Amino acid sequence: MLLISYDIQNDKIRTKFAKMLTKNGAVRLQYSVYEVNNTDRVLNNLRIMIEEKFAKMFESGDSVIIFDVSGVKLKKYGNAIHRDTDIVYF
């Protein structure tokens, strides 16, 4: 599973980036944080798409952080995501 967080200044690029994530199975957790829980192939394709298509459009103040949290224990609090249960319990 990947967590992808971004801070993109340009509205048009940010919107395209968010739509691309959603089209590739990402679920929005917060405004600029997405969870992608899919096959390794889809996750790798997503990384390649970010590197080859979007990275060249980013400005100096933009950032995208990809966290590979496979095997990491997660605990969520509050209303960060609209799910009934946590992914992994402590």
C-alpha atoms as a PDB file:
ATOM      1  CA  MET A   1       0.000   0.000   0.000  1.00  0.00           C
ATOM      2  CA  LEU A   2       1.159   3.516  -0.792  1.00  0.00           C
ATOM      3  CA  LEU A   3       0.325   6.804   0.855  1.00  0.00           C
ATOM      4  CA  ILE A   4       0.830   9.736  -1.481  1.00  0.00           C
ATOM      5  CA  SER A   5       0.971  13.268  -0.173  1.00  0.00           C
ATOM      6  CA  TYR A   6       1.398  16.303  -2.377  1.00  0.00           C
ATOM      7  CA  ASP A   7       1.713  20.061  -2.247  1.00  0.00           C
ATOM      8  CA  ILE A   8       1.331  21.443  -5.775  1.00  0.00           C
ATOM      9  CA  GLN A   9       0.933  25.191  -6.272  1.00  0.00           C
ATOM     10  CA  ASN A  10      -0.514  25.262  -9.797  1.00  0.00           C
ATOM     11  CA  ASP A  11      -4.290  24.610  -9.657  1.00  0.00           C
ATOM     12  CA  LYS A  12      -4.430  22.990 -13.103  1.00  0.00           C
ATOM     13  CA  ILE A  13      -1.539  20.587 -12.440  1.00  0.00           C
ATOM     14  CA  ARG A  14      -2.843  19.804  -8.942  1.00  0.00           C
ATOM     15  CA  THR A  15      -6.283  18.944 -10.340  1.00  0.00           C
ATOM     16  CA  LYS A  16      -4.780  16.714 -13.065  1.00  0.00           C
ATOM     17  CA  PHE A  17      -2.600  15.000 -10.476  1.00  0.00           C
ATOM     18  CA  ALA A  18      -5.540  14.325  -8.135  1.00  0.00           C
ATOM     19  CA  LYS A  19      -7.666  12.987 -11.013  1.00  0.00           C
ATOM     20  CA  MET A  20      -4.827  10.714 -12.145  1.00  0.00           C
ATOM     21  CA  LEU A  21      -4.526   9.292  -8.631  1.00  0.00           C
ATOM     22  CA  THR A  22      -8.266   8.660  -8.411  1.00  0.00           C
ATOM     23  CA  LYS A  23      -8.352   7.000 -11.846  1.00  0.00           C
ATOM     24  CA  ASN A  24      -5.596   4.662 -10.669  1.00  0.00           C
ATOM     25  CA  GLY A  25      -7.466   3.447  -7.614  1.00  0.00           C
ATOM     26  CA  ALA A  26      -6.367   5.992  -5.031  1.00  0.00           C
ATOM     27  CA  VAL A  27      -8.730   6.900  -2.209  1.00  0.00           C
ATOM     28  CA  ARG A  28      -8.601  10.413  -0.811  1.00  0.00           C
ATOM     29  CA  LEU A  29      -7.853  10.424   2.922  1.00  0.00           C
ATOM     30  CA  GLN A  30      -7.425  14.180   3.279  1.00  0.00           C
ATOM     31  CA  TYR A  31      -7.249  17.087   0.823  1.00  0.00           C
ATOM     32  CA  SER A  32      -3.812  16.183  -0.493  1.00  0.00           C
ATOM     33  CA  VAL A  33      -3.252  12.701   0.945  1.00  0.00           C
ATOM     34  CA  TYR A  34      -4.270   9.552  -0.902  1.00  0.00           C
ATOM     35  CA  GLU A  35      -4.118   5.844  -0.144  1.00  0.00           C
ATOM     36  CA  VAL A  36      -3.427   3.390  -2.959  1.00  0.00           C
ATOM     37  CA  ASN A  37      -3.975  -0.248  -2.100  1.00  0.00           C
ATOM     38  CA  ASN A  38      -3.542  -2.277  -5.269  1.00  0.00           C
ATOM     39  CA  THR A  39      -1.308  -4.824  -6.976  1.00  0.00           C
ATOM     40  CA  ASP A  40       2.446  -4.242  -7.204  1.00  0.00           C
ATOM     41  CA  ARG A  41       2.074  -3.743 -10.956  1.00  0.00           C
ATOM     42  CA  VAL A  42      -0.444  -0.917 -10.540  1.00  0.00           C
ATOM     43  CA  LEU A  43       1.657   0.688  -7.799  1.00  0.00           C
ATOM     44  CA  ASN A  44       4.779   0.574  -9.973  1.00  0.00           C
ATOM     45  CA  ASN A  45       2.875   1.993 -12.960  1.00  0.00           C
ATOM     46  CA  LEU A  46       1.667   4.814 -10.749  1.00  0.00           C
ATOM     47  CA  ARG A  47       5.224   5.636  -9.648  1.00  0.00           C
ATOM     48  CA  ILE A  48       6.398   5.638 -13.268  1.00  0.00           C
ATOM     49  CA  MET A  49       3.529   7.903 -14.325  1.00  0.00           C
ATOM     50  CA  ILE A  50       4.385  10.395 -11.583  1.00  0.00           C
ATOM     51  CA  GLU A  51       8.080  10.372 -12.519  1.00  0.00           C
ATOM     52  CA  GLU A  52       7.671  10.513 -16.301  1.00  0.00           C
ATOM     53  CA  LYS A  53       4.588  12.671 -16.731  1.00  0.00           C
ATOM     54  CA  PHE A  54       4.180  14.916 -13.708  1.00  0.00           C
ATOM     55  CA  ALA A  55       7.677  15.463 -12.268  1.00  0.00           C
ATOM     56  CA  LYS A  56       8.686  17.624 -15.225  1.00  0.00           C
ATOM     57  CA  MET A  57       5.663  19.900 -14.650  1.00  0.00           C
ATOM     58  CA  PHE A  58       6.406  20.585 -10.991  1.00  0.00           C
ATOM     59  CA  GLU A  59       7.679  23.976  -9.924  1.00  0.00           C
ATOM     60  CA  SER A  60      10.407  24.563  -7.348  1.00  0.00           C
ATOM     61  CA  GLY A  61       7.933  24.825  -4.450  1.00  0.00           C
ATOM     62  CA  ASP A  62       5.999  21.665  -5.329  1.00  0.00           C
ATOM     63  CA  SER A  63       6.467  18.338  -3.593  1.00  0.00           C
ATOM     64  CA  VAL A  64       5.114  14.816  -3.847  1.00  0.00           C
ATOM     65  CA  ILE A  65       5.976  12.265  -1.186  1.00  0.00           C
ATOM     66  CA  ILE A  66       5.243   8.570  -1.674  1.00  0.00           C
ATOM     67  CA  PHE A  67       5.230   6.429   1.452  1.00  0.00           C
ATOM     68  CA  ASP A  68       5.384   2.673   0.882  1.00  0.00           C
ATOM     69  CA  VAL A  69       3.631   1.450   4.007  1.00  0.00           C
ATOM     70  CA  SER A  70       3.395  -2.216   3.125  1.00  0.00           C
ATOM     71  CA  GLY A  71       3.788  -4.131   6.350  1.00  0.00           C
ATOM     72  CA  VAL A  72       3.595  -1.006   8.524  1.00  0.00           C
ATOM     73  CA  LYS A  73       1.035  -0.837  11.289  1.00  0.00           C
ATOM     74  CA  LEU A  74      -1.344   2.077  10.891  1.00  0.00           C
ATOM     75  CA  LYS A  75      -3.893   3.551  13.252  1.00  0.00           C
ATOM     76  CA  LYS A  76      -6.266   6.282  12.134  1.00  0.00           C
ATOM     77  CA  TYR A  77      -8.202   8.660  14.344  1.00  0.00           C
ATOM     78  CA  GLY A  78     -10.990  11.089  13.620  1.00  0.00           C
ATOM     79  CA  ASN A  79     -12.656  11.536  10.277  1.00  0.00           C
ATOM     80  CA  ALA A  80      -9.589  11.452   8.028  1.00  0.00           C
ATOM     81  CA  ILE A  81     -11.220   8.793   5.886  1.00  0.00           C
ATOM     82  CA  HIS A  82     -14.740   7.557   5.425  1.00  0.00           C
ATOM     83  CA  ARG A  83     -14.218   3.935   6.415  1.00  0.00           C
ATOM     84  CA  ASP A  84     -15.747   1.962   9.194  1.00  0.00           C
ATOM     85  CA  THR A  85     -12.590   0.101  10.235  1.00  0.00           C
ATOM     86  CA  ASP A  86      -8.856   0.662  10.425  1.00  0.00           C
ATOM     87  CA  ILE A  87      -6.562  -1.033   7.944  1.00  0.00           C
ATOM     88  CA  VAL A  88      -4.277  -2.551  10.571  1.00  0.00           C
ATOM     89  CA  TYR A  89      -4.717  -2.630  14.316  1.00  0.00           C
ATOM     90  CA  PHE A  90      -1.980  -2.123  16.922  1.00  0.00           C
END
